[in-house]
Amino acid sequence: MIKIEAIIQPLKLDVVKEALAALGIAGMTVTDVHGCGRQKGRVEVRQRAEYEITFMPKVKIEMAVCDAVAGKAITLIQEKARTGKIGDGKILISKLEDVIRIRTGEKGEVAI
């Protein structure tokens, strides 16, 4: 079992979510986050004053998937979230030791 965390641009969320659903992945957690990296923020002008925005708005998608679909899910996220510009995001991949569904007590891949 694999945990995938994808930090992507907010405008790409619906495209990625629909593609993952077509792959059979429906369970995910989505969080609005802010971060900085190579993009290094931007300067905006509001009411004639300049504001430096150093933490850019992003969306973090977290999901647990079976080993069999992990590679497809990762490739799909890369393809659907890519714009080709700095700030497209990151995909973090880690092994899961176990998963337990609280309601039923099921463990392992059946709990995903």
PDB file of N, CA and C in Angstrom:
ATOM      1  N   MET A   1       0.839  -1.175   0.000  1.00  0.00           N
ATOM      2  CA  MET A   1       0.000   0.000   0.000  1.00  0.00           C
ATOM      3  C   MET A   1       0.883   1.238   0.000  1.00  0.00           C
ATOM      4  N   ILE A   2       0.424   2.243  -0.689  1.00  0.00           N
ATOM      5  CA  ILE A   2       1.191   3.466  -0.900  1.00  0.00           C
ATOM      6  C   ILE A   2       0.346   4.665  -0.488  1.00  0.00           C
ATOM      7  N   LYS A   3       0.994   5.647   0.143  1.00  0.00           N
ATOM      8  CA  LYS A   3       0.344   6.924   0.407  1.00  0.00           C
ATOM      9  C   LYS A   3       0.907   7.924  -0.586  1.00  0.00           C
ATOM     10  N   ILE A   4       0.007   8.583  -1.305  1.00  0.00           N
ATOM     11  CA  ILE A   4       0.396   9.598  -2.278  1.00  0.00           C
ATOM     12  C   ILE A   4      -0.091  10.948  -1.771  1.00  0.00           C
ATOM     13  N   GLU A   5       0.828  11.896  -1.701  1.00  0.00           N
ATOM     14  CA  GLU A   5       0.485  13.277  -1.375  1.00  0.00           C
ATOM     15  C   GLU A   5       0.900  14.119  -2.575  1.00  0.00           C
ATOM     16  N   ALA A   6      -0.044  14.798  -3.162  1.00  0.00           N
ATOM     17  CA  ALA A   6       0.241  15.639  -4.324  1.00  0.00           C
ATOM     18  C   ALA A   6      -0.103  17.081  -3.976  1.00  0.00           C
ATOM     19  N   ILE A   7       0.866  17.953  -4.142  1.00  0.00           N
ATOM     20  CA  ILE A   7       0.655  19.379  -3.919  1.00  0.00           C
ATOM     21  C   ILE A   7       0.629  20.014  -5.302  1.00  0.00           C
ATOM     22  N   ILE A   8      -0.546  20.525  -5.671  1.00  0.00           N
ATOM     23  CA  ILE A   8      -0.746  21.001  -7.041  1.00  0.00           C
ATOM     24  C   ILE A   8      -1.385  22.387  -7.048  1.00  0.00           C
ATOM     25  N   GLN A   9      -1.461  22.975  -8.224  1.00  0.00           N
ATOM     26  CA  GLN A   9      -2.139  24.263  -8.368  1.00  0.00           C
ATOM     27  C   GLN A   9      -3.654  24.050  -8.219  1.00  0.00           C
ATOM     28  N   PRO A  10      -4.327  24.964  -7.513  1.00  0.00           N
ATOM     29  CA  PRO A  10      -5.765  24.804  -7.280  1.00  0.00           C
ATOM     30  C   PRO A  10      -6.596  24.638  -8.553  1.00  0.00           C
ATOM     31  N   LEU A  11      -6.198  25.292  -9.638  1.00  0.00           N
ATOM     32  CA  LEU A  11      -6.991  25.214 -10.867  1.00  0.00           C
ATOM     33  C   LEU A  11      -6.925  23.839 -11.519  1.00  0.00           C
ATOM     34  N   LYS A  12      -6.001  22.986 -11.088  1.00  0.00           N
ATOM     35  CA  LYS A  12      -5.861  21.643 -11.650  1.00  0.00           C
ATOM     36  C   LYS A  12      -6.592  20.579 -10.833  1.00  0.00           C
ATOM     37  N   LEU A  13      -7.192  20.957  -9.712  1.00  0.00           N
ATOM     38  CA  LEU A  13      -7.815  19.980  -8.820  1.00  0.00           C
ATOM     39  C   LEU A  13      -8.923  19.177  -9.495  1.00  0.00           C
ATOM     40  N   ASP A  14      -9.854  19.826 -10.152  1.00  0.00           N
ATOM     41  CA  ASP A  14     -10.985  19.111 -10.763  1.00  0.00           C
ATOM     42  C   ASP A  14     -10.526  18.127 -11.839  1.00  0.00           C
ATOM     43  N   VAL A  15      -9.559  18.525 -12.649  1.00  0.00           N
ATOM     44  CA  VAL A  15      -9.051  17.653 -13.712  1.00  0.00           C
ATOM     45  C   VAL A  15      -8.396  16.408 -13.110  1.00  0.00           C
ATOM     46  N   VAL A  16      -7.579  16.621 -12.069  1.00  0.00           N
ATOM     47  CA  VAL A  16      -6.893  15.502 -11.414  1.00  0.00           C
ATOM     48  C   VAL A  16      -7.911  14.596 -10.724  1.00  0.00           C
ATOM     49  N   LYS A  17      -8.858  15.178 -10.017  1.00  0.00           N
ATOM     50  CA  LYS A  17      -9.870  14.400  -9.295  1.00  0.00           C
ATOM     51  C   LYS A  17     -10.697  13.537 -10.245  1.00  0.00           C
ATOM     52  N   GLU A  18     -11.119  14.094 -11.359  1.00  0.00           N
ATOM     53  CA  GLU A  18     -11.910  13.339 -12.342  1.00  0.00           C
ATOM     54  C   GLU A  18     -11.097  12.198 -12.949  1.00  0.00           C
ATOM     55  N   ALA A  19      -9.828  12.452 -13.227  1.00  0.00           N
ATOM     56  CA  ALA A  19      -8.973  11.412 -13.805  1.00  0.00           C
ATOM     57  C   ALA A  19      -8.735  10.283 -12.801  1.00  0.00           C
ATOM     58  N   LEU A  20      -8.536  10.626 -11.531  1.00  0.00           N
ATOM     59  CA  LEU A  20      -8.353   9.603 -10.500  1.00  0.00           C
ATOM     60  C   LEU A  20      -9.634   8.793 -10.311  1.00  0.00           C
ATOM     61  N   ALA A  21     -10.788   9.455 -10.378  1.00  0.00           N
ATOM     62  CA  ALA A  21     -12.068   8.747 -10.261  1.00  0.00           C
ATOM     63  C   ALA A  21     -12.242   7.760 -11.417  1.00  0.00           C
ATOM     64  N   ALA A  22     -11.823   8.144 -12.617  1.00  0.00           N
ATOM     65  CA  ALA A  22     -11.906   7.245 -13.767  1.00  0.00           C
ATOM     66  C   ALA A  22     -10.994   6.030 -13.592  1.00  0.00           C
ATOM     67  N   LEU A  23      -9.933   6.186 -12.814  1.00  0.00           N
ATOM     68  CA  LEU A  23      -9.012   5.091 -12.515  1.00  0.00           C
ATOM     69  C   LEU A  23      -9.551   4.199 -11.397  1.00  0.00           C
ATOM     70  N   GLY A  24     -10.616   4.656 -10.732  1.00  0.00           N
ATOM     71  CA  GLY A  24     -11.215   3.885  -9.646  1.00  0.00           C
ATOM     72  C   GLY A  24     -10.823   4.362  -8.267  1.00  0.00           C
ATOM     73  N   ILE A  25     -10.145   5.496  -8.193  1.00  0.00           N
ATOM     74  CA  ILE A  25      -9.746   6.059  -6.902  1.00  0.00           C
ATOM     75  C   ILE A  25     -10.736   7.154  -6.533  1.00  0.00           C
ATOM     76  N   ALA A  26     -11.558   6.873  -5.543  1.00  0.00           N
ATOM     77  CA  ALA A  26     -12.564   7.850  -5.128  1.00  0.00           C
ATOM     78  C   ALA A  26     -12.226   8.465  -3.778  1.00  0.00           C
ATOM     79  N   GLY A  27     -11.515   7.729  -2.938  1.00  0.00           N
ATOM     80  CA  GLY A  27     -11.210   8.217  -1.600  1.00  0.00           C
ATOM     81  C   GLY A  27      -9.957   9.060  -1.571  1.00  0.00           C
ATOM     82  N   MET A  28     -10.115  10.302  -1.166  1.00  0.00           N
ATOM     83  CA  MET A  28      -8.974  11.198  -1.040  1.00  0.00           C
ATOM     84  C   MET A  28      -9.330  12.324  -0.086  1.00  0.00           C
ATOM     85  N   THR A  29      -8.330  12.947   0.457  1.00  0.00           N
ATOM     86  CA  THR A  29      -8.505  14.123   1.307  1.00  0.00           C
ATOM     87  C   THR A  29      -7.874  15.298   0.581  1.00  0.00           C
ATOM     88  N   VAL A  30      -8.596  16.408   0.517  1.00  0.00           N
ATOM     89  CA  VAL A  30      -8.103  17.601  -0.164  1.00  0.00           C
ATOM     90  C   VAL A  30      -8.050  18.745   0.839  1.00  0.00           C
ATOM     91  N   THR A  31      -6.895  19.409   0.888  1.00  0.00           N
ATOM     92  CA  THR A  31      -6.680  20.499   1.829  1.00  0.00           C
ATOM     93  C   THR A  31      -6.135  21.706   1.087  1.00  0.00           C
ATOM     94  N   ASP A  32      -6.639  22.894   1.417  1.00  0.00           N
ATOM     95  CA  ASP A  32      -6.057  24.125   0.885  1.00  0.00           C
ATOM     96  C   ASP A  32      -4.809  24.431   1.695  1.00  0.00           C
ATOM     97  N   VAL A  33      -3.692  24.619   1.011  1.00  0.00           N
ATOM     98  CA  VAL A  33      -2.423  24.898   1.677  1.00  0.00           C
ATOM     99  C   VAL A  33      -1.736  26.079   1.000  1.00  0.00           C
ATOM    100  N   HIS A  34      -0.702  26.588   1.626  1.00  0.00           N
ATOM    101  CA  HIS A  34       0.129  27.644   1.051  1.00  0.00           C
ATOM    102  C   HIS A  34       1.573  27.218   1.204  1.00  0.00           C
ATOM    103  N   GLY A  35       2.388  27.495   0.196  1.00  0.00           N
ATOM    104  CA  GLY A  35       3.781  27.098   0.286  1.00  0.00           C
ATOM    105  C   GLY A  35       4.661  27.929  -0.624  1.00  0.00           C
ATOM    106  N   CYS A  36       5.960  27.698  -0.482  1.00  0.00           N
ATOM    107  CA  CYS A  36       6.910  28.392  -1.341  1.00  0.00           C
ATOM    108  C   CYS A  36       7.986  27.413  -1.774  1.00  0.00           C
ATOM    109  N   GLY A  37       8.562  27.700  -2.884  1.00  0.00           N
ATOM    110  CA  GLY A  37       9.617  26.868  -3.450  1.00  0.00           C
ATOM    111  C   GLY A  37      10.379  27.705  -4.446  1.00  0.00           C
ATOM    112  N   ARG A  38      10.664  27.124  -5.596  1.00  0.00           N
ATOM    113  CA  ARG A  38      11.397  27.859  -6.628  1.00  0.00           C
ATOM    114  C   ARG A  38      10.593  29.028  -7.174  1.00  0.00           C
ATOM    115  N   GLN A  39       9.286  28.955  -7.050  1.00  0.00           N
ATOM    116  CA  GLN A  39       8.411  30.009  -7.566  1.00  0.00           C
ATOM    117  C   GLN A  39       8.676  31.332  -6.841  1.00  0.00           C
ATOM    118  N   LYS A  40       9.007  31.266  -5.588  1.00  0.00           N
ATOM    119  CA  LYS A  40       9.395  32.404  -4.747  1.00  0.00           C
ATOM    120  C   LYS A  40       8.343  33.502  -4.642  1.00  0.00           C
ATOM    121  N   GLY A  41       7.097  33.198  -4.862  1.00  0.00           N
ATOM    122  CA  GLY A  41       6.035  34.175  -4.659  1.00  0.00           C
ATOM    123  C   GLY A  41       5.902  35.170  -5.797  1.00  0.00           C
ATOM    124  N   ARG A  42       5.149  36.218  -5.511  1.00  0.00           N
ATOM    125  CA  ARG A  42       4.920  37.262  -6.510  1.00  0.00           C
ATOM    126  C   ARG A  42       4.530  38.549  -5.801  1.00  0.00           C
ATOM    127  N   VAL A  43       4.551  39.648  -6.537  1.00  0.00           N
ATOM    128  CA  VAL A  43       4.161  40.945  -5.998  1.00  0.00           C
ATOM    129  C   VAL A  43       2.822  41.322  -6.623  1.00  0.00           C
ATOM    130  N   GLU A  44       1.867  41.697  -5.779  1.00  0.00           N
ATOM    131  CA  GLU A  44       0.564  42.149  -6.260  1.00  0.00           C
ATOM    132  C   GLU A  44       0.353  43.588  -5.833  1.00  0.00           C
ATOM    133  N   VAL A  45      -0.408  44.307  -6.639  1.00  0.00           N
ATOM    134  CA  VAL A  45      -0.736  45.692  -6.314  1.00  0.00           C
ATOM    135  C   VAL A  45      -2.227  45.766  -6.022  1.00  0.00           C
ATOM    136  N   ARG A  46      -2.533  46.235  -4.822  1.00  0.00           N
ATOM    137  CA  ARG A  46      -3.935  46.424  -4.416  1.00  0.00           C
ATOM    138  C   ARG A  46      -4.073  47.817  -3.818  1.00  0.00           C
ATOM    139  N   GLN A  47      -5.012  48.553  -4.306  1.00  0.00           N
ATOM    140  CA  GLN A  47      -5.269  49.916  -3.848  1.00  0.00           C
ATOM    141  C   GLN A  47      -3.979  50.734  -3.798  1.00  0.00           C
ATOM    142  N   ARG A  48      -3.231  50.649  -4.879  1.00  0.00           N
ATOM    143  CA  ARG A  48      -1.993  51.397  -5.087  1.00  0.00           C
ATOM    144  C   ARG A  48      -0.864  51.031  -4.123  1.00  0.00           C
ATOM    145  N   ALA A  49      -0.992  49.938  -3.431  1.00  0.00           N
ATOM    146  CA  ALA A  49       0.079  49.482  -2.542  1.00  0.00           C
ATOM    147  C   ALA A  49       0.569  48.122  -3.029  1.00  0.00           C
ATOM    148  N   GLU A  50       1.861  47.908  -2.925  1.00  0.00           N
ATOM    149  CA  GLU A  50       2.435  46.631  -3.345  1.00  0.00           C
ATOM    150  C   GLU A  50       2.502  45.684  -2.156  1.00  0.00           C
ATOM    151  N   TYR A  51       2.113  44.436  -2.418  1.00  0.00           N
ATOM    152  CA  TYR A  51       2.169  43.394  -1.403  1.00  0.00           C
ATOM    153  C   TYR A  51       2.959  42.222  -1.973  1.00  0.00           C
ATOM    154  N   GLU A  52       3.921  41.763  -1.202  1.00  0.00           N
ATOM    155  CA  GLU A  52       4.682  40.595  -1.632  1.00  0.00           C
ATOM    156  C   GLU A  52       4.026  39.351  -1.058  1.00  0.00           C
ATOM    157  N   ILE A  53       3.639  38.447  -1.939  1.00  0.00           N
ATOM    158  CA  ILE A  53       3.031  37.185  -1.530  1.00  0.00           C
ATOM    159  C   ILE A  53       4.106  36.119  -1.665  1.00  0.00           C
ATOM    160  N   THR A  54       4.614  35.643  -0.518  1.00  0.00           N
ATOM    161  CA  THR A  54       5.706  34.678  -0.558  1.00  0.00           C
ATOM    162  C   THR A  54       5.211  33.242  -0.493  1.00  0.00           C
ATOM    163  N   PHE A  55       4.037  33.017   0.073  1.00  0.00           N
ATOM    164  CA  PHE A  55       3.462  31.680   0.123  1.00  0.00           C
ATOM    165  C   PHE A  55       2.304  31.613  -0.861  1.00  0.00           C
ATOM    166  N   MET A  56       2.473  30.783  -1.874  1.00  0.00           N
ATOM    167  CA  MET A  56       1.481  30.682  -2.941  1.00  0.00           C
ATOM    168  C   MET A  56       0.388  29.687  -2.567  1.00  0.00           C
ATOM    169  N   PRO A  57      -0.857  29.958  -2.959  1.00  0.00           N
ATOM    170  CA  PRO A  57      -1.939  29.010  -2.670  1.00  0.00           C
ATOM    171  C   PRO A  57      -1.790  27.737  -3.502  1.00  0.00           C
ATOM    172  N   LYS A  58      -1.933  26.607  -2.848  1.00  0.00           N
ATOM    173  CA  LYS A  58      -1.859  25.295  -3.486  1.00  0.00           C
ATOM    174  C   LYS A  58      -2.952  24.411  -2.910  1.00  0.00           C
ATOM    175  N   VAL A  59      -3.111  23.235  -3.464  1.00  0.00           N
ATOM    176  CA  VAL A  59      -4.043  22.234  -2.970  1.00  0.00           C
ATOM    177  C   VAL A  59      -3.240  20.966  -2.714  1.00  0.00           C
ATOM    178  N   LYS A  60      -3.485  20.343  -1.564  1.00  0.00           N
ATOM    179  CA  LYS A  60      -2.807  19.095  -1.234  1.00  0.00           C
ATOM    180  C   LYS A  60      -3.820  17.964  -1.269  1.00  0.00           C
ATOM    181  N   ILE A  61      -3.537  16.973  -2.100  1.00  0.00           N
ATOM    182  CA  ILE A  61      -4.391  15.784  -2.218  1.00  0.00           C
ATOM    183  C   ILE A  61      -3.647  14.633  -1.541  1.00  0.00           C
ATOM    184  N   GLU A  62      -4.327  13.943  -0.628  1.00  0.00           N
ATOM    185  CA  GLU A  62      -3.739  12.783   0.034  1.00  0.00           C
ATOM    186  C   GLU A  62      -4.624  11.579  -0.217  1.00  0.00           C
ATOM    187  N   MET A  63      -3.989  10.440  -0.526  1.00  0.00           N
ATOM    188  CA  MET A  63      -4.754   9.225  -0.758  1.00  0.00           C
ATOM    189  C   MET A  63      -3.910   8.005  -0.460  1.00  0.00           C
ATOM    190  N   ALA A  64      -4.573   6.939  -0.071  1.00  0.00           N
ATOM    191  CA  ALA A  64      -3.926   5.640   0.101  1.00  0.00           C
ATOM    192  C   ALA A  64      -4.408   4.761  -1.038  1.00  0.00           C
ATOM    193  N   VAL A  65      -3.467   4.108  -1.718  1.00  0.00           N
ATOM    194  CA  VAL A  65      -3.819   3.269  -2.862  1.00  0.00           C
ATOM    195  C   VAL A  65      -3.100   1.925  -2.774  1.00  0.00           C
ATOM    196  N   CYS A  66      -3.653   0.939  -3.470  1.00  0.00           N
ATOM    197  CA  CYS A  66      -3.026  -0.378  -3.568  1.00  0.00           C
ATOM    198  C   CYS A  66      -1.775  -0.264  -4.431  1.00  0.00           C
ATOM    199  N   ASP A  67      -0.813  -1.131  -4.192  1.00  0.00           N
ATOM    200  CA  ASP A  67       0.423  -1.129  -4.980  1.00  0.00           C
ATOM    201  C   ASP A  67       0.139  -1.251  -6.478  1.00  0.00           C
ATOM    202  N   ALA A  68      -0.902  -2.006  -6.835  1.00  0.00           N
ATOM    203  CA  ALA A  68      -1.209  -2.272  -8.241  1.00  0.00           C
ATOM    204  C   ALA A  68      -1.580  -1.013  -9.021  1.00  0.00           C
ATOM    205  N   VAL A  69      -2.190  -0.028  -8.383  1.00  0.00           N
ATOM    206  CA  VAL A  69      -2.611   1.182  -9.102  1.00  0.00           C
ATOM    207  C   VAL A  69      -1.754   2.398  -8.777  1.00  0.00           C
ATOM    208  N   ALA A  70      -0.801   2.265  -7.867  1.00  0.00           N
ATOM    209  CA  ALA A  70       0.005   3.408  -7.439  1.00  0.00           C
ATOM    210  C   ALA A  70       0.747   4.052  -8.608  1.00  0.00           C
ATOM    211  N   GLY A  71       1.413   3.261  -9.421  1.00  0.00           N
ATOM    212  CA  GLY A  71       2.165   3.802 -10.554  1.00  0.00           C
ATOM    213  C   GLY A  71       1.280   4.548 -11.534  1.00  0.00           C
ATOM    214  N   LYS A  72       0.108   3.978 -11.819  1.00  0.00           N
ATOM    215  CA  LYS A  72      -0.828   4.632 -12.743  1.00  0.00           C
ATOM    216  C   LYS A  72      -1.330   5.946 -12.156  1.00  0.00           C
ATOM    217  N   ALA A  73      -1.626   5.949 -10.857  1.00  0.00           N
ATOM    218  CA  ALA A  73      -2.130   7.156 -10.203  1.00  0.00           C
ATOM    219  C   ALA A  73      -1.073   8.265 -10.216  1.00  0.00           C
ATOM    220  N   ILE A  74       0.165   7.908  -9.947  1.00  0.00           N
ATOM    221  CA  ILE A  74       1.248   8.888  -9.926  1.00  0.00           C
ATOM    222  C   ILE A  74       1.463   9.482 -11.314  1.00  0.00           C
ATOM    223  N   THR A  75       1.497   8.638 -12.329  1.00  0.00           N
ATOM    224  CA  THR A  75       1.664   9.110 -13.706  1.00  0.00           C
ATOM    225  C   THR A  75       0.511  10.012 -14.111  1.00  0.00           C
ATOM    226  N   LEU A  76      -0.693   9.622 -13.739  1.00  0.00           N
ATOM    227  CA  LEU A  76      -1.885  10.391 -14.068  1.00  0.00           C
ATOM    228  C   LEU A  76      -1.832  11.781 -13.433  1.00  0.00           C
ATOM    229  N   ILE A  77      -1.440  11.849 -12.153  1.00  0.00           N
ATOM    230  CA  ILE A  77      -1.335  13.144 -11.467  1.00  0.00           C
ATOM    231  C   ILE A  77      -0.299  14.016 -12.175  1.00  0.00           C
ATOM    232  N   GLN A  78       0.845  13.426 -12.525  1.00  0.00           N
ATOM    233  CA  GLN A  78       1.879  14.187 -13.236  1.00  0.00           C
ATOM    234  C   GLN A  78       1.339  14.775 -14.528  1.00  0.00           C
ATOM    235  N   GLU A  79       0.640  13.964 -15.298  1.00  0.00           N
ATOM    236  CA  GLU A  79       0.130  14.416 -16.596  1.00  0.00           C
ATOM    237  C   GLU A  79      -0.942  15.487 -16.445  1.00  0.00           C
ATOM    238  N   LYS A  80      -1.884  15.273 -15.543  1.00  0.00           N
ATOM    239  CA  LYS A  80      -3.032  16.171 -15.424  1.00  0.00           C
ATOM    240  C   LYS A  80      -2.715  17.465 -14.681  1.00  0.00           C
ATOM    241  N   ALA A  81      -1.715  17.456 -13.795  1.00  0.00           N
ATOM    242  CA  ALA A  81      -1.400  18.657 -13.004  1.00  0.00           C
ATOM    243  C   ALA A  81      -0.334  19.527 -13.654  1.00  0.00           C
ATOM    244  N   ARG A  82       0.316  19.025 -14.675  1.00  0.00           N
ATOM    245  CA  ARG A  82       1.427  19.744 -15.297  1.00  0.00           C
ATOM    246  C   ARG A  82       0.942  20.900 -16.158  1.00  0.00           C
ATOM    247  N   THR A  83       1.560  22.071 -15.943  1.00  0.00           N
ATOM    248  CA  THR A  83       1.366  23.205 -16.843  1.00  0.00           C
ATOM    249  C   THR A  83       2.662  23.511 -17.580  1.00  0.00           C
ATOM    250  N   GLY A  84       3.785  23.001 -17.047  1.00  0.00           N
ATOM    251  CA  GLY A  84       5.078  23.265 -17.641  1.00  0.00           C
ATOM    252  C   GLY A  84       5.757  24.500 -17.077  1.00  0.00           C
ATOM    253  N   LYS A  85       5.138  25.127 -16.086  1.00  0.00           N
ATOM    254  CA  LYS A  85       5.700  26.340 -15.486  1.00  0.00           C
ATOM    255  C   LYS A  85       6.126  26.055 -14.053  1.00  0.00           C
ATOM    256  N   ILE A  86       7.001  26.913 -13.538  1.00  0.00           N
ATOM    257  CA  ILE A  86       7.412  26.784 -12.139  1.00  0.00           C
ATOM    258  C   ILE A  86       6.168  26.913 -11.264  1.00  0.00           C
ATOM    259  N   GLY A  87       6.074  26.049 -10.247  1.00  0.00           N
ATOM    260  CA  GLY A  87       4.936  26.104  -9.336  1.00  0.00           C
ATOM    261  C   GLY A  87       3.913  25.011  -9.569  1.00  0.00           C
ATOM    262  N   ASP A  88       4.221  24.062 -10.459  1.00  0.00           N
ATOM    263  CA  ASP A  88       3.284  22.960 -10.726  1.00  0.00           C
ATOM    264  C   ASP A  88       3.090  22.065  -9.508  1.00  0.00           C
ATOM    265  N   GLY A  89       4.078  21.981  -8.626  1.00  0.00           N
ATOM    266  CA  GLY A  89       3.901  21.228  -7.395  1.00  0.00           C
ATOM    267  C   GLY A  89       4.818  20.036  -7.266  1.00  0.00           C
ATOM    268  N   LYS A  90       4.468  19.162  -6.328  1.00  0.00           N
ATOM    269  CA  LYS A  90       5.265  17.975  -6.011  1.00  0.00           C
ATOM    270  C   LYS A  90       4.339  16.799  -5.743  1.00  0.00           C
ATOM    271  N   ILE A  91       4.891  15.592  -5.909  1.00  0.00           N
ATOM    272  CA  ILE A  91       4.205  14.368  -5.509  1.00  0.00           C
ATOM    273  C   ILE A  91       5.113  13.670  -4.513  1.00  0.00           C
ATOM    274  N   LEU A  92       4.593  13.397  -3.337  1.00  0.00           N
ATOM    275  CA  LEU A  92       5.338  12.716  -2.286  1.00  0.00           C
ATOM    276  C   LEU A  92       4.768  11.313  -2.148  1.00  0.00           C
ATOM    277  N   ILE A  93       5.644  10.316  -2.142  1.00  0.00           N
ATOM    278  CA  ILE A  93       5.220   8.920  -2.141  1.00  0.00           C
ATOM    279  C   ILE A  93       5.850   8.224  -0.943  1.00  0.00           C
ATOM    280  N   SER A  94       5.025   7.497  -0.173  1.00  0.00           N
ATOM    281  CA  SER A  94       5.559   6.750   0.961  1.00  0.00           C
ATOM    282  C   SER A  94       4.823   5.428   1.114  1.00  0.00           C
ATOM    283  N   LYS A  95       5.521   4.453   1.676  1.00  0.00           N
ATOM    284  CA  LYS A  95       4.946   3.135   1.957  1.00  0.00           C
ATOM    285  C   LYS A  95       4.070   3.227   3.195  1.00  0.00           C
ATOM    286  N   LEU A  96       2.939   2.542   3.152  1.00  0.00           N
ATOM    287  CA  LEU A  96       2.064   2.459   4.320  1.00  0.00           C
ATOM    288  C   LEU A  96       2.259   1.104   4.989  1.00  0.00           C
ATOM    289  N   GLU A  97       2.434   1.121   6.271  1.00  0.00           N
ATOM    290  CA  GLU A  97       2.576  -0.134   7.010  1.00  0.00           C
ATOM    291  C   GLU A  97       1.236  -0.852   7.108  1.00  0.00           C
ATOM    292  N   ASP A  98       0.184  -0.101   7.387  1.00  0.00           N
ATOM    293  CA  ASP A  98      -1.145  -0.695   7.512  1.00  0.00           C
ATOM    294  C   ASP A  98      -2.199   0.391   7.391  1.00  0.00           C
ATOM    295  N   VAL A  99      -3.426  -0.012   7.085  1.00  0.00           N
ATOM    296  CA  VAL A  99      -4.576   0.874   7.030  1.00  0.00           C
ATOM    297  C   VAL A  99      -5.706   0.174   7.776  1.00  0.00           C
ATOM    298  N   ILE A 100      -6.420   0.905   8.602  1.00  0.00           N
ATOM    299  CA  ILE A 100      -7.537   0.331   9.348  1.00  0.00           C
ATOM    300  C   ILE A 100      -8.770   1.205   9.135  1.00  0.00           C
ATOM    301  N   ARG A 101      -9.860   0.596   8.707  1.00  0.00           N
ATOM    302  CA  ARG A 101     -11.128   1.318   8.590  1.00  0.00           C
ATOM    303  C   ARG A 101     -11.759   1.338   9.983  1.00  0.00           C
ATOM    304  N   ILE A 102     -11.985   2.501  10.518  1.00  0.00           N
ATOM    305  CA  ILE A 102     -12.471   2.643  11.886  1.00  0.00           C
ATOM    306  C   ILE A 102     -13.845   1.998  12.072  1.00  0.00           C
ATOM    307  N   ARG A 103     -14.754   2.217  11.141  1.00  0.00           N
ATOM    308  CA  ARG A 103     -16.131   1.725  11.292  1.00  0.00           C
ATOM    309  C   ARG A 103     -16.205   0.210  11.398  1.00  0.00           C
ATOM    310  N   THR A 104     -15.444  -0.502  10.561  1.00  0.00           N
ATOM    311  CA  THR A 104     -15.579  -1.965  10.496  1.00  0.00           C
ATOM    312  C   THR A 104     -14.410  -2.734  11.087  1.00  0.00           C
ATOM    313  N   GLY A 105     -13.281  -2.046  11.270  1.00  0.00           N
ATOM    314  CA  GLY A 105     -12.092  -2.722  11.765  1.00  0.00           C
ATOM    315  C   GLY A 105     -11.309  -3.449  10.683  1.00  0.00           C
ATOM    316  N   GLU A 106     -11.740  -3.327   9.428  1.00  0.00           N
ATOM    317  CA  GLU A 106     -11.019  -3.975   8.325  1.00  0.00           C
ATOM    318  C   GLU A 106      -9.604  -3.408   8.239  1.00  0.00           C
ATOM    319  N   LYS A 107      -8.665  -4.287   7.843  1.00  0.00           N
ATOM    320  CA  LYS A 107      -7.265  -3.887   7.750  1.00  0.00           C
ATOM    321  C   LYS A 107      -6.721  -4.144   6.349  1.00  0.00           C
ATOM    322  N   GLY A 108      -5.653  -3.455   6.023  1.00  0.00           N
ATOM    323  CA  GLY A 108      -4.960  -3.677   4.771  1.00  0.00           C
ATOM    324  C   GLY A 108      -5.685  -3.053   3.582  1.00  0.00           C
ATOM    325  N   GLU A 109      -5.475  -3.679   2.409  1.00  0.00           N
ATOM    326  CA  GLU A 109      -6.016  -3.123   1.168  1.00  0.00           C
ATOM    327  C   GLU A 109      -7.541  -3.067   1.148  1.00  0.00           C
ATOM    328  N   VAL A 110      -8.212  -3.969   1.861  1.00  0.00           N
ATOM    329  CA  VAL A 110      -9.691  -3.915   1.884  1.00  0.00           C
ATOM    330  C   VAL A 110     -10.192  -2.675   2.613  1.00  0.00           C
ATOM    331  N   ALA A 111      -9.347  -2.101   3.480  1.00  0.00           N
ATOM    332  CA  ALA A 111      -9.727  -0.879   4.204  1.00  0.00           C
ATOM    333  C   ALA A 111      -9.584   0.369   3.356  1.00  0.00           C
ATOM    334  N   ILE A 112      -8.850   0.249   2.255  1.00  0.00           N
ATOM    335  CA  ILE A 112      -8.668   1.410   1.372  1.00  0.00           C
ATOM    336  C   ILE A 112      -9.951   1.625   0.611  1.00  0.00           C
TER     337      ILE A 112
END
